[in-house]
PDB file of N, CA and C in Angstrom:
ATOM      1  N   MET A   1     -15.578 -29.061   6.521  1.00  0.00           N
ATOM      2  CA  MET A   1     -15.533 -27.940   5.614  1.00  0.00           C
ATOM      3  C   MET A   1     -14.082 -27.683   5.208  1.00  0.00           C
ATOM      4  N   ILE A   2     -13.850 -27.503   3.935  1.00  0.00           N
ATOM      5  CA  ILE A   2     -12.511 -27.246   3.421  1.00  0.00           C
ATOM      6  C   ILE A   2     -12.381 -25.757   3.121  1.00  0.00           C
ATOM      7  N   GLN A   3     -11.357 -25.130   3.670  1.00  0.00           N
ATOM      8  CA  GLN A   3     -11.111 -23.721   3.409  1.00  0.00           C
ATOM      9  C   GLN A   3      -9.980 -23.591   2.410  1.00  0.00           C
ATOM     10  N   ARG A   4     -10.122 -22.647   1.521  1.00  0.00           N
ATOM     11  CA  ARG A   4      -9.084 -22.395   0.525  1.00  0.00           C
ATOM     12  C   ARG A   4      -7.957 -21.608   1.171  1.00  0.00           C
ATOM     13  N   MET A   5      -6.752 -22.070   1.006  1.00  0.00           N
ATOM     14  CA  MET A   5      -5.585 -21.379   1.540  1.00  0.00           C
ATOM     15  C   MET A   5      -5.194 -20.248   0.588  1.00  0.00           C
ATOM     16  N   ALA A   6      -4.824 -19.126   1.140  1.00  0.00           N
ATOM     17  CA  ALA A   6      -4.370 -17.993   0.329  1.00  0.00           C
ATOM     18  C   ALA A   6      -2.977 -18.287  -0.210  1.00  0.00           C
ATOM     19  N   LYS A   7      -2.701 -17.799  -1.392  1.00  0.00           N
ATOM     20  CA  LYS A   7      -1.370 -17.957  -1.971  1.00  0.00           C
ATOM     21  C   LYS A   7      -0.417 -16.993  -1.285  1.00  0.00           C
ATOM     22  N   VAL A   8       0.767 -17.461  -0.996  1.00  0.00           N
ATOM     23  CA  VAL A   8       1.778 -16.602  -0.390  1.00  0.00           C
ATOM     24  C   VAL A   8       2.816 -16.299  -1.454  1.00  0.00           C
ATOM     25  N   GLY A   9       2.986 -15.001  -1.734  1.00  0.00           N
ATOM     26  CA  GLY A   9       3.935 -14.564  -2.754  1.00  0.00           C
ATOM     27  C   GLY A   9       5.282 -14.250  -2.159  1.00  0.00           C
ATOM     28  N   ARG A  10       6.065 -13.522  -2.919  1.00  0.00           N
ATOM     29  CA  ARG A  10       7.388 -13.100  -2.474  1.00  0.00           C
ATOM     30  C   ARG A  10       7.311 -12.352  -1.156  1.00  0.00           C
ATOM     31  N   LEU A  11       8.262 -12.543  -0.312  1.00  0.00           N
ATOM     32  CA  LEU A  11       8.391 -11.878   0.982  1.00  0.00           C
ATOM     33  C   LEU A  11       7.240 -12.211   1.925  1.00  0.00           C
ATOM     34  N   GLY A  12       6.534 -13.320   1.675  1.00  0.00           N
ATOM     35  CA  GLY A  12       5.476 -13.751   2.575  1.00  0.00           C
ATOM     36  C   GLY A  12       4.205 -12.934   2.496  1.00  0.00           C
ATOM     37  N   VAL A  13       3.992 -12.198   1.441  1.00  0.00           N
ATOM     38  CA  VAL A  13       2.789 -11.375   1.293  1.00  0.00           C
ATOM     39  C   VAL A  13       1.649 -12.270   0.832  1.00  0.00           C
ATOM     40  N   VAL A  14       0.506 -12.152   1.469  1.00  0.00           N
ATOM     41  CA  VAL A  14      -0.669 -12.910   1.065  1.00  0.00           C
ATOM     42  C   VAL A  14      -1.268 -12.208  -0.145  1.00  0.00           C
ATOM     43  N   THR A  15      -1.143 -12.820  -1.314  1.00  0.00           N
ATOM     44  CA  THR A  15      -1.483 -12.136  -2.555  1.00  0.00           C
ATOM     45  C   THR A  15      -2.973 -12.122  -2.864  1.00  0.00           C
ATOM     46  N   ASP A  16      -3.673 -13.219  -2.690  1.00  0.00           N
ATOM     47  CA  ASP A  16      -5.092 -13.269  -3.048  1.00  0.00           C
ATOM     48  C   ASP A  16      -5.903 -12.252  -2.259  1.00  0.00           C
ATOM     49  N   GLN A  17      -5.720 -12.217  -0.973  1.00  0.00           N
ATOM     50  CA  GLN A  17      -6.532 -11.353  -0.136  1.00  0.00           C
ATOM     51  C   GLN A  17      -6.066  -9.903  -0.191  1.00  0.00           C
ATOM     52  N   ALA A  18      -4.772  -9.663  -0.285  1.00  0.00           N
ATOM     53  CA  ALA A  18      -4.255  -8.295  -0.328  1.00  0.00           C
ATOM     54  C   ALA A  18      -4.763  -7.561  -1.558  1.00  0.00           C
ATOM     55  N   GLU A  19      -4.894  -8.258  -2.673  1.00  0.00           N
ATOM     56  CA  GLU A  19      -5.355  -7.620  -3.900  1.00  0.00           C
ATOM     57  C   GLU A  19      -6.822  -7.220  -3.830  1.00  0.00           C
ATOM     58  N   LYS A  20      -7.594  -7.795  -2.912  1.00  0.00           N
ATOM     59  CA  LYS A  20      -9.009  -7.480  -2.774  1.00  0.00           C
ATOM     60  C   LYS A  20      -9.252  -6.266  -1.880  1.00  0.00           C
ATOM     61  N   LEU A  21      -8.236  -5.843  -1.134  1.00  0.00           N
ATOM     62  CA  LEU A  21      -8.389  -4.694  -0.249  1.00  0.00           C
ATOM     63  C   LEU A  21      -8.355  -3.415  -1.079  1.00  0.00           C
ATOM     64  N   PRO A  22      -9.259  -2.474  -0.813  1.00  0.00           N
ATOM     65  CA  PRO A  22      -9.404  -1.314  -1.701  1.00  0.00           C
ATOM     66  C   PRO A  22      -8.297  -0.255  -1.611  1.00  0.00           C
ATOM     67  N   TYR A  23      -7.630  -0.143  -0.466  1.00  0.00           N
ATOM     68  CA  TYR A  23      -6.612   0.894  -0.292  1.00  0.00           C
ATOM     69  C   TYR A  23      -5.214   0.305  -0.395  1.00  0.00           C
ATOM     70  N   SER A  24      -4.305   1.074  -0.992  1.00  0.00           N
ATOM     71  CA  SER A  24      -2.907   0.667  -1.035  1.00  0.00           C
ATOM     72  C   SER A  24      -2.018   1.854  -0.693  1.00  0.00           C
ATOM     73  N   ILE A  25      -0.910   1.570  -0.038  1.00  0.00           N
ATOM     74  CA  ILE A  25       0.091   2.573   0.296  1.00  0.00           C
ATOM     75  C   ILE A  25       1.322   2.214  -0.523  1.00  0.00           C
ATOM     76  N   GLU A  26       1.729   3.145  -1.386  1.00  0.00           N
ATOM     77  CA  GLU A  26       2.786   2.869  -2.360  1.00  0.00           C
ATOM     78  C   GLU A  26       4.027   3.716  -2.106  1.00  0.00           C
ATOM     79  N   LEU A  27       5.177   3.106  -2.261  1.00  0.00           N
ATOM     80  CA  LEU A  27       6.466   3.787  -2.154  1.00  0.00           C
ATOM     81  C   LEU A  27       6.987   4.005  -3.563  1.00  0.00           C
ATOM     82  N   TRP A  28       7.235   5.272  -3.917  1.00  0.00           N
ATOM     83  CA  TRP A  28       7.736   5.631  -5.238  1.00  0.00           C
ATOM     84  C   TRP A  28       9.200   6.016  -5.141  1.00  0.00           C
ATOM     85  N   ASP A  29       9.917   5.964  -6.249  1.00  0.00           N
ATOM     86  CA  ASP A  29      11.335   6.330  -6.256  1.00  0.00           C
ATOM     87  C   ASP A  29      11.491   7.809  -5.911  1.00  0.00           C
ATOM     88  N   SER A  30      12.703   8.234  -5.662  1.00  0.00           N
ATOM     89  CA  SER A  30      12.960   9.605  -5.206  1.00  0.00           C
ATOM     90  C   SER A  30      12.478  10.662  -6.197  1.00  0.00           C
ATOM     91  N   GLY A  31      12.473  10.355  -7.472  1.00  0.00           N
ATOM     92  CA  GLY A  31      11.978  11.294  -8.473  1.00  0.00           C
ATOM     93  C   GLY A  31      10.477  11.232  -8.654  1.00  0.00           C
ATOM     94  N   GLY A  32       9.827  10.257  -8.014  1.00  0.00           N
ATOM     95  CA  GLY A  32       8.392  10.106  -8.127  1.00  0.00           C
ATOM     96  C   GLY A  32       7.943   9.611  -9.492  1.00  0.00           C
ATOM     97  N   GLN A  33       8.861   8.963 -10.222  1.00  0.00           N
ATOM     98  CA  GLN A  33       8.560   8.534 -11.583  1.00  0.00           C
ATOM     99  C   GLN A  33       8.138   7.069 -11.680  1.00  0.00           C
ATOM    100  N   SER A  34       8.594   6.218 -10.750  1.00  0.00           N
ATOM    101  CA  SER A  34       8.236   4.803 -10.851  1.00  0.00           C
ATOM    102  C   SER A  34       7.969   4.198  -9.473  1.00  0.00           C
ATOM    103  N   LEU A  35       7.032   3.304  -9.455  1.00  0.00           N
ATOM    104  CA  LEU A  35       6.642   2.614  -8.235  1.00  0.00           C
ATOM    105  C   LEU A  35       7.738   1.634  -7.831  1.00  0.00           C
ATOM    106  N   GLU A  36       8.235   1.769  -6.599  1.00  0.00           N
ATOM    107  CA  GLU A  36       9.228   0.818  -6.095  1.00  0.00           C
ATOM    108  C   GLU A  36       8.543  -0.415  -5.537  1.00  0.00           C
ATOM    109  N   ARG A  37       7.548  -0.192  -4.652  1.00  0.00           N
ATOM    110  CA  ARG A  37       6.798  -1.327  -4.106  1.00  0.00           C
ATOM    111  C   ARG A  37       5.553  -0.842  -3.371  1.00  0.00           C
ATOM    112  N   VAL A  38       4.639  -1.762  -3.182  1.00  0.00           N
ATOM    113  CA  VAL A  38       3.449  -1.495  -2.380  1.00  0.00           C
ATOM    114  C   VAL A  38       3.799  -1.872  -0.950  1.00  0.00           C
ATOM    115  N   LEU A  39       3.683  -0.898  -0.056  1.00  0.00           N
ATOM    116  CA  LEU A  39       4.057  -1.126   1.333  1.00  0.00           C
ATOM    117  C   LEU A  39       2.968  -1.846   2.119  1.00  0.00           C
ATOM    118  N   ALA A  40       1.700  -1.534   1.798  1.00  0.00           N
ATOM    119  CA  ALA A  40       0.594  -2.110   2.571  1.00  0.00           C
ATOM    120  C   ALA A  40      -0.701  -2.013   1.789  1.00  0.00           C
ATOM    121  N   HIS A  41      -1.658  -2.811   2.226  1.00  0.00           N
ATOM    122  CA  HIS A  41      -3.032  -2.742   1.746  1.00  0.00           C
ATOM    123  C   HIS A  41      -3.917  -2.594   2.973  1.00  0.00           C
ATOM    124  N   ALA A  42      -5.063  -1.931   2.829  1.00  0.00           N
ATOM    125  CA  ALA A  42      -5.963  -1.735   3.962  1.00  0.00           C
ATOM    126  C   ALA A  42      -7.413  -1.876   3.524  1.00  0.00           C
ATOM    127  N   LEU A  43      -8.239  -2.259   4.471  1.00  0.00           N
ATOM    128  CA  LEU A  43      -9.651  -2.465   4.207  1.00  0.00           C
ATOM    129  C   LEU A  43     -10.456  -1.179   4.320  1.00  0.00           C
ATOM    130  N   ASN A  44     -10.055  -0.289   5.243  1.00  0.00           N
ATOM    131  CA  ASN A  44     -10.841   0.935   5.439  1.00  0.00           C
ATOM    132  C   ASN A  44      -9.956   2.176   5.436  1.00  0.00           C
ATOM    133  N   ALA A  45     -10.600   3.328   5.310  1.00  0.00           N
ATOM    134  CA  ALA A  45      -9.887   4.597   5.173  1.00  0.00           C
ATOM    135  C   ALA A  45      -9.099   4.962   6.425  1.00  0.00           C
ATOM    136  N   GLN A  46      -9.638   4.684   7.593  1.00  0.00           N
ATOM    137  CA  GLN A  46      -8.958   5.042   8.838  1.00  0.00           C
ATOM    138  C   GLN A  46      -7.627   4.286   8.973  1.00  0.00           C
ATOM    139  N   LEU A  47      -7.638   3.006   8.718  1.00  0.00           N
ATOM    140  CA  LEU A  47      -6.417   2.222   8.774  1.00  0.00           C
ATOM    141  C   LEU A  47      -5.449   2.646   7.671  1.00  0.00           C
ATOM    142  N   ALA A  48      -5.973   2.909   6.492  1.00  0.00           N
ATOM    143  CA  ALA A  48      -5.132   3.334   5.374  1.00  0.00           C
ATOM    144  C   ALA A  48      -4.415   4.640   5.696  1.00  0.00           C
ATOM    145  N   ARG A  49      -5.112   5.586   6.300  1.00  0.00           N
ATOM    146  CA  ARG A  49      -4.486   6.866   6.691  1.00  0.00           C
ATOM    147  C   ARG A  49      -3.383   6.647   7.724  1.00  0.00           C
ATOM    148  N   ALA A  50      -3.634   5.784   8.692  1.00  0.00           N
ATOM    149  CA  ALA A  50      -2.623   5.503   9.718  1.00  0.00           C
ATOM    150  C   ALA A  50      -1.377   4.875   9.084  1.00  0.00           C
ATOM    151  N   LEU A  51      -1.583   3.952   8.163  1.00  0.00           N
ATOM    152  CA  LEU A  51      -0.455   3.330   7.470  1.00  0.00           C
ATOM    153  C   LEU A  51       0.289   4.334   6.596  1.00  0.00           C
ATOM    154  N   PHE A  52      -0.447   5.227   5.963  1.00  0.00           N
ATOM    155  CA  PHE A  52       0.154   6.276   5.131  1.00  0.00           C
ATOM    156  C   PHE A  52       1.059   7.172   5.971  1.00  0.00           C
ATOM    157  N   HIS A  53       0.571   7.616   7.131  1.00  0.00           N
ATOM    158  CA  HIS A  53       1.374   8.488   8.006  1.00  0.00           C
ATOM    159  C   HIS A  53       2.594   7.752   8.567  1.00  0.00           C
ATOM    160  N   ALA A  54       2.434   6.480   8.887  1.00  0.00           N
ATOM    161  CA  ALA A  54       3.572   5.696   9.365  1.00  0.00           C
ATOM    162  C   ALA A  54       4.618   5.535   8.259  1.00  0.00           C
ATOM    163  N   ALA A  55       4.164   5.324   7.040  1.00  0.00           N
ATOM    164  CA  ALA A  55       5.086   5.189   5.903  1.00  0.00           C
ATOM    165  C   ALA A  55       5.835   6.494   5.654  1.00  0.00           C
ATOM    166  N   GLN A  56       5.163   7.630   5.824  1.00  0.00           N
ATOM    167  CA  GLN A  56       5.821   8.930   5.662  1.00  0.00           C
ATOM    168  C   GLN A  56       6.934   9.106   6.683  1.00  0.00           C
ATOM    169  N   LYS A  57       6.703   8.684   7.913  1.00  0.00           N
ATOM    170  CA  LYS A  57       7.726   8.788   8.954  1.00  0.00           C
ATOM    171  C   LYS A  57       8.889   7.836   8.687  1.00  0.00           C
ATOM    172  N   GLU A  58       8.581   6.656   8.167  1.00  0.00           N
ATOM    173  CA  GLU A  58       9.596   5.645   7.893  1.00  0.00           C
ATOM    174  C   GLU A  58      10.456   6.006   6.676  1.00  0.00           C
ATOM    175  N   HIS A  59       9.854   6.669   5.696  1.00  0.00           N
ATOM    176  CA  HIS A  59      10.538   7.025   4.441  1.00  0.00           C
ATOM    177  C   HIS A  59      10.360   8.534   4.171  1.00  0.00           C
ATOM    178  N   PRO A  60      10.977   9.391   4.987  1.00  0.00           N
ATOM    179  CA  PRO A  60      10.722  10.834   4.874  1.00  0.00           C
ATOM    180  C   PRO A  60      11.170  11.467   3.553  1.00  0.00           C
ATOM    181  N   GLU A  61      12.131  10.896   2.889  1.00  0.00           N
ATOM    182  CA  GLU A  61      12.638  11.478   1.642  1.00  0.00           C
ATOM    183  C   GLU A  61      11.953  10.913   0.394  1.00  0.00           C
ATOM    184  N   SER A  62      11.106   9.921   0.571  1.00  0.00           N
ATOM    185  CA  SER A  62      10.456   9.263  -0.569  1.00  0.00           C
ATOM    186  C   SER A  62       9.038   9.777  -0.752  1.00  0.00           C
ATOM    187  N   ARG A  63       8.525   9.558  -1.937  1.00  0.00           N
ATOM    188  CA  ARG A  63       7.139   9.910  -2.229  1.00  0.00           C
ATOM    189  C   ARG A  63       6.259   8.708  -1.868  1.00  0.00           C
ATOM    190  N   ILE A  64       5.243   8.961  -1.062  1.00  0.00           N
ATOM    191  CA  ILE A  64       4.305   7.930  -0.644  1.00  0.00           C
ATOM    192  C   ILE A  64       2.926   8.317  -1.169  1.00  0.00           C
ATOM    193  N   LEU A  65       2.242   7.365  -1.770  1.00  0.00           N
ATOM    194  CA  LEU A  65       0.883   7.591  -2.249  1.00  0.00           C
ATOM    195  C   LEU A  65      -0.079   6.684  -1.504  1.00  0.00           C
ATOM    196  N   LEU A  66      -1.216   7.241  -1.134  1.00  0.00           N
ATOM    197  CA  LEU A  66      -2.326   6.468  -0.608  1.00  0.00           C
ATOM    198  C   LEU A  66      -3.359   6.440  -1.712  1.00  0.00           C
ATOM    199  N   ARG A  67      -3.697   5.236  -2.164  1.00  0.00           N
ATOM    200  CA  ARG A  67      -4.610   5.119  -3.296  1.00  0.00           C
ATOM    201  C   ARG A  67      -5.770   4.203  -2.958  1.00  0.00           C
ATOM    202  N   ARG A  68      -6.900   4.512  -3.550  1.00  0.00           N
ATOM    203  CA  ARG A  68      -8.061   3.609  -3.520  1.00  0.00           C
ATOM    204  C   ARG A  68      -8.328   3.259  -4.971  1.00  0.00           C
ATOM    205  N   GLY A  69      -7.944   2.061  -5.338  1.00  0.00           N
ATOM    206  CA  GLY A  69      -8.011   1.676  -6.747  1.00  0.00           C
ATOM    207  C   GLY A  69      -7.045   2.537  -7.538  1.00  0.00           C
ATOM    208  N   ALA A  70      -7.541   3.192  -8.582  1.00  0.00           N
ATOM    209  CA  ALA A  70      -6.693   4.048  -9.410  1.00  0.00           C
ATOM    210  C   ALA A  70      -6.673   5.494  -8.921  1.00  0.00           C
ATOM    211  N   ARG A  71      -7.526   5.829  -7.954  1.00  0.00           N
ATOM    212  CA  ARG A  71      -7.637   7.202  -7.463  1.00  0.00           C
ATOM    213  C   ARG A  71      -6.648   7.476  -6.338  1.00  0.00           C
ATOM    214  N   THR A  72      -5.925   8.582  -6.431  1.00  0.00           N
ATOM    215  CA  THR A  72      -5.000   8.994  -5.391  1.00  0.00           C
ATOM    216  C   THR A  72      -5.763   9.738  -4.305  1.00  0.00           C
ATOM    217  N   VAL A  73      -5.707   9.230  -3.091  1.00  0.00           N
ATOM    218  CA  VAL A  73      -6.392   9.832  -1.942  1.00  0.00           C
ATOM    219  C   VAL A  73      -5.474  10.833  -1.258  1.00  0.00           C
ATOM    220  N   ALA A  74      -4.195  10.478  -1.096  1.00  0.00           N
ATOM    221  CA  ALA A  74      -3.216  11.355  -0.456  1.00  0.00           C
ATOM    222  C   ALA A  74      -1.853  11.140  -1.094  1.00  0.00           C
ATOM    223  N   ASP A  75      -1.082  12.220  -1.129  1.00  0.00           N
ATOM    224  CA  ASP A  75       0.244  12.194  -1.738  1.00  0.00           C
ATOM    225  C   ASP A  75       1.205  12.951  -0.822  1.00  0.00           C
ATOM    226  N   SER A  76       2.283  12.319  -0.415  1.00  0.00           N
ATOM    227  CA  SER A  76       3.237  12.972   0.486  1.00  0.00           C
ATOM    228  C   SER A  76       3.936  14.155  -0.159  1.00  0.00           C
ATOM    229  N   ALA A  77       3.903  14.258  -1.492  1.00  0.00           N
ATOM    230  CA  ALA A  77       4.528  15.375  -2.188  1.00  0.00           C
ATOM    231  C   ALA A  77       3.703  16.658  -2.087  1.00  0.00           C
ATOM    232  N   ASP A  78       2.446  16.533  -1.687  1.00  0.00           N
ATOM    233  CA  ASP A  78       1.580  17.732  -1.577  1.00  0.00           C
ATOM    234  C   ASP A  78       1.828  18.489  -0.302  1.00  0.00           C
TER     235      ASP A  78
END
């Protein structure tokens, strides 16, 4: 059986599979106007929340968004 290898993008991120995960944790610039980078992707809400809280502790002065698709689930600015 031949398995398809996932593509590895910049910084070693697995791009094919990460894009299929429904939750994303995003780091926004200090003004909250532009996305700097996606910090993580998660399969379920419990893991996504844990990653969101860890990102808030790691970047206390930045705006962090937890999103499911286009919908914002949590925002550190709130």
